[in-house]
Amino acid sequence: MTNPYKTVFNTPAGDAVLADLERIVNATKLDANNPNPNSAIWKCAQLSLVQRILNQCQAENPHQG
């Protein structure tokens, strides 16, 4: 079975989308002077989503885990 994550993200368009997602995640800053727990939760969710995509692109069987 083919890896659907590789099919989508291992293309020029997929690379561009993934690069944009990584840029957005890295651009999201938490402010130590005005901490907001909701911002921290949102930042963690963004990081988790991008990491999930990267992990699944490398997985042998992307339907597990």
C-alpha atoms as a PDB file:
ATOM      1  CA  MET A   1       0.000   0.000   0.000  1.00  0.00           C
ATOM      2  CA  THR A   2       1.327   3.444  -0.832  1.00  0.00           C
ATOM      3  CA  ASN A   3       1.893   6.050   1.830  1.00  0.00           C
ATOM      4  CA  PRO A   4      -0.748   8.755   1.287  1.00  0.00           C
ATOM      5  CA  TYR A   5       1.311  11.306   3.228  1.00  0.00           C
ATOM      6  CA  LYS A   6       4.261  10.781   0.867  1.00  0.00           C
ATOM      7  CA  THR A   7       1.913  10.951  -2.123  1.00  0.00           C
ATOM      8  CA  VAL A   8       0.619  14.346  -0.982  1.00  0.00           C
ATOM      9  CA  PHE A   9       3.653  15.978   0.611  1.00  0.00           C
ATOM     10  CA  ASN A  10       6.502  14.621  -1.548  1.00  0.00           C
ATOM     11  CA  THR A  11       5.507  16.844  -4.456  1.00  0.00           C
ATOM     12  CA  PRO A  12       6.484  20.443  -5.194  1.00  0.00           C
ATOM     13  CA  ALA A  13       3.035  21.630  -4.087  1.00  0.00           C
ATOM     14  CA  GLY A  14       3.132  19.461  -0.967  1.00  0.00           C
ATOM     15  CA  ASP A  15       6.597  20.743  -0.093  1.00  0.00           C
ATOM     16  CA  ALA A  16       5.315  24.315  -0.427  1.00  0.00           C
ATOM     17  CA  VAL A  17       2.317  23.613   1.832  1.00  0.00           C
ATOM     18  CA  LEU A  18       4.467  21.906   4.452  1.00  0.00           C
ATOM     19  CA  ALA A  19       7.019  24.743   4.357  1.00  0.00           C
ATOM     20  CA  ASP A  20       4.182  27.243   4.845  1.00  0.00           C
ATOM     21  CA  LEU A  21       2.794  25.266   7.797  1.00  0.00           C
ATOM     22  CA  GLU A  22       6.253  25.149   9.378  1.00  0.00           C
ATOM     23  CA  ARG A  23       6.655  28.898   8.802  1.00  0.00           C
ATOM     24  CA  ILE A  24       3.329  29.625  10.488  1.00  0.00           C
ATOM     25  CA  VAL A  25       4.182  27.413  13.459  1.00  0.00           C
ATOM     26  CA  ASN A  26       7.595  29.035  13.858  1.00  0.00           C
ATOM     27  CA  ALA A  27       6.102  32.515  13.508  1.00  0.00           C
ATOM     28  CA  THR A  28       3.661  31.945  16.365  1.00  0.00           C
ATOM     29  CA  LYS A  29       5.293  33.437  19.433  1.00  0.00           C
ATOM     30  CA  LEU A  30       4.355  33.106  23.064  1.00  0.00           C
ATOM     31  CA  ASP A  31       4.774  36.334  25.003  1.00  0.00           C
ATOM     32  CA  ALA A  32       6.409  35.877  28.423  1.00  0.00           C
ATOM     33  CA  ASN A  33       5.229  39.336  29.469  1.00  0.00           C
ATOM     34  CA  ASN A  34       1.601  38.505  28.760  1.00  0.00           C
ATOM     35  CA  PRO A  35       1.277  34.724  29.079  1.00  0.00           C
ATOM     36  CA  ASN A  36      -1.902  33.268  27.650  1.00  0.00           C
ATOM     37  CA  PRO A  37      -2.590  29.589  28.370  1.00  0.00           C
ATOM     38  CA  ASN A  38      -4.803  29.365  25.285  1.00  0.00           C
ATOM     39  CA  SER A  39      -1.903  30.542  23.118  1.00  0.00           C
ATOM     40  CA  ALA A  40       0.309  27.855  24.617  1.00  0.00           C
ATOM     41  CA  ILE A  41      -2.291  25.181  23.866  1.00  0.00           C
ATOM     42  CA  TRP A  42      -2.687  26.466  20.296  1.00  0.00           C
ATOM     43  CA  LYS A  43       1.105  26.508  19.787  1.00  0.00           C
ATOM     44  CA  CYS A  44       1.427  22.911  21.035  1.00  0.00           C
ATOM     45  CA  ALA A  45      -1.392  21.800  18.738  1.00  0.00           C
ATOM     46  CA  GLN A  46       0.273  23.447  15.735  1.00  0.00           C
ATOM     47  CA  LEU A  47       3.610  21.821  16.523  1.00  0.00           C
ATOM     48  CA  SER A  48       1.955  18.434  17.024  1.00  0.00           C
ATOM     49  CA  LEU A  49       0.151  18.629  13.697  1.00  0.00           C
ATOM     50  CA  VAL A  50       3.267  19.521  11.699  1.00  0.00           C
ATOM     51  CA  GLN A  51       5.273  16.838  13.516  1.00  0.00           C
ATOM     52  CA  ARG A  52       2.555  14.266  12.764  1.00  0.00           C
ATOM     53  CA  ILE A  53       2.746  15.071   9.051  1.00  0.00           C
ATOM     54  CA  LEU A  54       6.556  14.832   9.061  1.00  0.00           C
ATOM     55  CA  ASN A  55       6.470  11.516  10.957  1.00  0.00           C
ATOM     56  CA  GLN A  56       3.847  10.023   8.666  1.00  0.00           C
ATOM     57  CA  CYS A  57       5.816  11.041   5.576  1.00  0.00           C
ATOM     58  CA  GLN A  58       8.694   8.923   6.909  1.00  0.00           C
ATOM     59  CA  ALA A  59       6.614   5.992   8.183  1.00  0.00           C
ATOM     60  CA  GLU A  60       6.616   2.611   6.493  1.00  0.00           C
ATOM     61  CA  ASN A  61       2.973   2.061   7.442  1.00  0.00           C
ATOM     62  CA  PRO A  62       1.362   5.473   7.989  1.00  0.00           C
ATOM     63  CA  HIS A  63      -1.928   4.002   9.206  1.00  0.00           C
ATOM     64  CA  GLN A  64      -0.439   2.877  12.517  1.00  0.00           C
ATOM     65  CA  GLY A  65       0.370   5.170  15.424  1.00  0.00           C
END
